[in-house]
Every structure is written in structure tokens, then in C-alpha cells.
């Protein structure tokens, strides 16, 4: 068994898809679609192994900002072999990183909030869990 995809809610599909393309190099798997079970639209993306479904609810759904303690998914962890490139791409969006190891330059891990406030945990390959 393995994780097939993660669904992340966004206010703007195109803006979010472009962000994940530029920051992490995710690829779009097709055009905007209307899922049969979801009240809104979706764009499916992938890092090559795990799919990342961006979901934009229609106006019937009240969106609530994520915060610590919210039930459900707490954050998404992404492994990179180019952490400096990710940091530089985030600077273009004026996104601040936090939780980094300040003893390491560049850091081997950090967190940030994406354009819609979802917490993303970024780590280098040597910081990832191994089996």
C-alpha cells in the first residue's frame, strides 16, 4: 500500500497550480475537472510519485482558514534535492519560512504556509525517514 494522492483546498486553482509548479516542479496531470463527489473544481498535479489534488469549492461551501488544532491533515511534507531553489522560489512570493535549523545554512528542513495558508514541511533527502 502507498499514499495515492493528497487533496488540498485552495481559493484559486490556477494561482495554486502555478505556485506548486514554480516552487516544487509539480506537473499538471490534465485540465481543470469537476469531481463527481466534490462541490467544486479540481486540478490534479504530481511530483512523479504522489498526486496532489488542488480543490476549489464552489460558493456553497464556506472556507475556513487552517490553524493548529484543526482536525484532519496537519501539514504536507515535501522532500527536495534543491532546498536552496525552493527557498528562492518562496522569496518571489514573499513567503517566510519558519521552524528551520538555524545552525545549518542552507537549512535541511523548514516550514511555510502556502498561498492559502496550508502548512508545508520541506526537508532535504537526508532528513527524510528511511525504512
C-alpha atoms as a PDB file:
ATOM      1  CA  UNK A   1       0.000   0.000   0.000  1.00  0.00           C
ATOM      2  CA  UNK A   2       1.024   3.597  -0.508  1.00  0.00           C
ATOM      3  CA  UNK A   3      -0.463   7.075  -0.493  1.00  0.00           C
ATOM      4  CA  UNK A   4      -2.064   7.772  -3.873  1.00  0.00           C
ATOM      5  CA  UNK A   5      -2.912  11.459  -3.520  1.00  0.00           C
ATOM      6  CA  UNK A   6      -3.414  14.341  -1.114  1.00  0.00           C
ATOM      7  CA  UNK A   7      -6.256  16.843  -1.553  1.00  0.00           C
ATOM      8  CA  UNK A   8      -5.601  20.483  -0.663  1.00  0.00           C
ATOM      9  CA  UNK A   9      -8.290  23.188  -0.748  1.00  0.00           C
ATOM     10  CA  UNK A  10      -7.486  26.466  -2.490  1.00  0.00           C
ATOM     11  CA  UNK A  11      -9.356  29.681  -3.283  1.00  0.00           C
ATOM     12  CA  UNK A  12      -7.844  29.907  -6.788  1.00  0.00           C
ATOM     13  CA  UNK A  13      -6.932  26.782  -8.772  1.00  0.00           C
ATOM     14  CA  UNK A  14      -4.763  28.472 -11.397  1.00  0.00           C
ATOM     15  CA  UNK A  15      -2.813  30.537  -8.865  1.00  0.00           C
ATOM     16  CA  UNK A  16      -2.195  27.484  -6.652  1.00  0.00           C
ATOM     17  CA  UNK A  17      -1.223  25.230  -9.578  1.00  0.00           C
ATOM     18  CA  UNK A  18       1.264  27.804 -10.884  1.00  0.00           C
ATOM     19  CA  UNK A  19       2.714  28.174  -7.366  1.00  0.00           C
ATOM     20  CA  UNK A  20       3.328  24.419  -6.976  1.00  0.00           C
ATOM     21  CA  UNK A  21       4.796  24.233 -10.489  1.00  0.00           C
ATOM     22  CA  UNK A  22       7.244  27.068  -9.808  1.00  0.00           C
ATOM     23  CA  UNK A  23       8.213  26.185  -6.231  1.00  0.00           C
ATOM     24  CA  UNK A  24       8.378  22.368  -6.403  1.00  0.00           C
ATOM     25  CA  UNK A  25       8.283  21.495 -10.105  1.00  0.00           C
ATOM     26  CA  UNK A  26       4.982  19.600  -9.809  1.00  0.00           C
ATOM     27  CA  UNK A  27       3.393  18.732 -13.167  1.00  0.00           C
ATOM     28  CA  UNK A  28      -0.262  19.104 -14.121  1.00  0.00           C
ATOM     29  CA  UNK A  29      -1.900  15.805 -14.989  1.00  0.00           C
ATOM     30  CA  UNK A  30      -4.704  17.310 -17.057  1.00  0.00           C
ATOM     31  CA  UNK A  31      -7.150  20.191 -17.341  1.00  0.00           C
ATOM     32  CA  UNK A  32      -9.462  21.503 -14.625  1.00  0.00           C
ATOM     33  CA  UNK A  33     -12.083  18.877 -13.855  1.00  0.00           C
ATOM     34  CA  UNK A  34     -15.327  18.590 -11.919  1.00  0.00           C
ATOM     35  CA  UNK A  35     -15.111  15.675  -9.462  1.00  0.00           C
ATOM     36  CA  UNK A  36     -18.367  13.765  -9.123  1.00  0.00           C
ATOM     37  CA  UNK A  37     -18.253  13.788  -5.323  1.00  0.00           C
ATOM     38  CA  UNK A  38     -16.845  17.286  -4.678  1.00  0.00           C
ATOM     39  CA  UNK A  39     -18.828  20.539  -4.795  1.00  0.00           C
ATOM     40  CA  UNK A  40     -16.353  22.451  -6.948  1.00  0.00           C
ATOM     41  CA  UNK A  41     -13.456  22.080  -9.380  1.00  0.00           C
ATOM     42  CA  UNK A  42     -10.059  20.358  -9.191  1.00  0.00           C
ATOM     43  CA  UNK A  43      -6.632  20.297 -10.820  1.00  0.00           C
ATOM     44  CA  UNK A  44      -4.528  17.179 -10.364  1.00  0.00           C
ATOM     45  CA  UNK A  45      -0.757  17.562 -10.097  1.00  0.00           C
ATOM     46  CA  UNK A  46       2.081  15.169  -9.335  1.00  0.00           C
ATOM     47  CA  UNK A  47       5.650  15.071  -8.128  1.00  0.00           C
ATOM     48  CA  UNK A  48       6.072  11.869 -10.134  1.00  0.00           C
ATOM     49  CA  UNK A  49       5.058   9.541  -7.307  1.00  0.00           C
ATOM     50  CA  UNK A  50       2.279  11.100  -5.236  1.00  0.00           C
ATOM     51  CA  UNK A  51      -0.547  13.097  -6.762  1.00  0.00           C
ATOM     52  CA  UNK A  52      -1.543  16.443  -5.298  1.00  0.00           C
ATOM     53  CA  UNK A  53      -5.194  17.318  -5.966  1.00  0.00           C
ATOM     54  CA  UNK A  54      -5.943  21.019  -5.705  1.00  0.00           C
ATOM     55  CA  UNK A  55      -9.614  21.514  -4.849  1.00  0.00           C
ATOM     56  CA  UNK A  56     -11.584  24.750  -5.191  1.00  0.00           C
ATOM     57  CA  UNK A  57     -15.061  24.568  -3.664  1.00  0.00           C
ATOM     58  CA  UNK A  58     -17.948  26.457  -5.209  1.00  0.00           C
ATOM     59  CA  UNK A  59     -19.735  29.308  -3.446  1.00  0.00           C
ATOM     60  CA  UNK A  60     -21.985  26.907  -1.479  1.00  0.00           C
ATOM     61  CA  UNK A  61     -19.026  25.890   0.682  1.00  0.00           C
ATOM     62  CA  UNK A  62     -17.784  28.189   3.441  1.00  0.00           C
ATOM     63  CA  UNK A  63     -13.987  28.156   3.543  1.00  0.00           C
ATOM     64  CA  UNK A  64     -12.334  28.239   6.966  1.00  0.00           C
ATOM     65  CA  UNK A  65      -8.610  29.030   7.367  1.00  0.00           C
ATOM     66  CA  UNK A  66      -6.369  26.230   8.647  1.00  0.00           C
ATOM     67  CA  UNK A  67      -4.992  26.558  12.170  1.00  0.00           C
ATOM     68  CA  UNK A  68      -3.100  24.371  14.644  1.00  0.00           C
ATOM     69  CA  UNK A  69      -5.544  22.001  16.283  1.00  0.00           C
ATOM     70  CA  UNK A  70      -7.800  21.641  13.248  1.00  0.00           C
ATOM     71  CA  UNK A  71      -8.878  18.019  12.944  1.00  0.00           C
ATOM     72  CA  UNK A  72      -7.672  16.195   9.857  1.00  0.00           C
ATOM     73  CA  UNK A  73      -4.450  16.713   7.966  1.00  0.00           C
ATOM     74  CA  UNK A  74      -1.973  18.899   9.887  1.00  0.00           C
ATOM     75  CA  UNK A  75       0.572  19.536   7.141  1.00  0.00           C
ATOM     76  CA  UNK A  76       2.050  18.138   3.951  1.00  0.00           C
ATOM     77  CA  UNK A  77       5.704  17.069   3.930  1.00  0.00           C
ATOM     78  CA  UNK A  78       7.717  17.501   0.739  1.00  0.00           C
ATOM     79  CA  UNK A  79      11.213  16.149   0.130  1.00  0.00           C
ATOM     80  CA  UNK A  80      13.565  18.096  -2.143  1.00  0.00           C
ATOM     81  CA  UNK A  81      17.067  17.756  -3.523  1.00  0.00           C
ATOM     82  CA  UNK A  82      17.179  21.542  -4.110  1.00  0.00           C
ATOM     83  CA  UNK A  83      16.218  23.244  -0.860  1.00  0.00           C
ATOM     84  CA  UNK A  84      18.009  26.463  -1.861  1.00  0.00           C
ATOM     85  CA  UNK A  85      15.921  26.626  -5.046  1.00  0.00           C
ATOM     86  CA  UNK A  86      12.719  26.171  -3.036  1.00  0.00           C
ATOM     87  CA  UNK A  87      13.724  28.980  -0.651  1.00  0.00           C
ATOM     88  CA  UNK A  88      14.499  31.294  -3.589  1.00  0.00           C
ATOM     89  CA  UNK A  89      11.156  30.494  -5.253  1.00  0.00           C
ATOM     90  CA  UNK A  90       9.320  31.221  -1.989  1.00  0.00           C
ATOM     91  CA  UNK A  91      11.045  34.620  -1.771  1.00  0.00           C
ATOM     92  CA  UNK A  92       9.470  35.532  -5.127  1.00  0.00           C
ATOM     93  CA  UNK A  93       6.093  35.068  -3.421  1.00  0.00           C
ATOM     94  CA  UNK A  94       7.189  36.942  -0.247  1.00  0.00           C
ATOM     95  CA  UNK A  95       6.595  33.776   1.770  1.00  0.00           C
ATOM     96  CA  UNK A  96       8.520  33.473   5.010  1.00  0.00           C
ATOM     97  CA  UNK A  97       9.934  30.184   6.225  1.00  0.00           C
ATOM     98  CA  UNK A  98       9.953  29.108   9.877  1.00  0.00           C
ATOM     99  CA  UNK A  99      10.959  26.166  12.026  1.00  0.00           C
ATOM    100  CA  UNK A 100      14.284  25.820  10.247  1.00  0.00           C
ATOM    101  CA  UNK A 101      17.526  24.607  11.819  1.00  0.00           C
ATOM    102  CA  UNK A 102      19.393  27.921  12.081  1.00  0.00           C
ATOM    103  CA  UNK A 103      22.706  26.069  12.609  1.00  0.00           C
ATOM    104  CA  UNK A 104      22.585  24.728   9.029  1.00  0.00           C
ATOM    105  CA  UNK A 105      22.985  27.044   6.022  1.00  0.00           C
ATOM    106  CA  UNK A 106      21.076  26.317   3.930  1.00  0.00           C
ATOM    107  CA  UNK A 107      18.679  24.636   6.359  1.00  0.00           C
ATOM    108  CA  UNK A 108      17.908  20.936   5.920  1.00  0.00           C
ATOM    109  CA  UNK A 109      14.259  21.494   6.834  1.00  0.00           C
ATOM    110  CA  UNK A 110      11.725  24.283   7.316  1.00  0.00           C
ATOM    111  CA  UNK A 111       8.014  25.025   7.157  1.00  0.00           C
ATOM    112  CA  UNK A 112       5.917  27.662   5.438  1.00  0.00           C
ATOM    113  CA  UNK A 113       2.279  28.494   4.780  1.00  0.00           C
ATOM    114  CA  UNK A 114       1.284  28.279   1.122  1.00  0.00           C
ATOM    115  CA  UNK A 115      -0.810  30.920  -0.653  1.00  0.00           C
ATOM    116  CA  UNK A 116      -3.987  29.644   1.007  1.00  0.00           C
ATOM    117  CA  UNK A 117      -2.494  29.025   4.451  1.00  0.00           C
ATOM    118  CA  UNK A 118      -1.834  25.260   4.237  1.00  0.00           C
ATOM    119  CA  UNK A 119       1.274  24.320   6.215  1.00  0.00           C
ATOM    120  CA  UNK A 120       4.024  22.717   4.124  1.00  0.00           C
ATOM    121  CA  UNK A 121       7.045  20.985   5.692  1.00  0.00           C
ATOM    122  CA  UNK A 122      10.092  20.877   3.390  1.00  0.00           C
ATOM    123  CA  UNK A 123      13.132  18.674   4.031  1.00  0.00           C
ATOM    124  CA  UNK A 124      16.242  17.565   2.220  1.00  0.00           C
ATOM    125  CA  UNK A 125      16.570  13.914   1.258  1.00  0.00           C
ATOM    126  CA  UNK A 126      18.982  13.212   4.146  1.00  0.00           C
ATOM    127  CA  UNK A 127      16.297  14.409   6.609  1.00  0.00           C
ATOM    128  CA  UNK A 128      13.637  12.039   5.276  1.00  0.00           C
ATOM    129  CA  UNK A 129      12.525   8.909   7.072  1.00  0.00           C
ATOM    130  CA  UNK A 130      14.015   5.693   5.747  1.00  0.00           C
ATOM    131  CA  UNK A 131      12.749   2.128   6.017  1.00  0.00           C
END
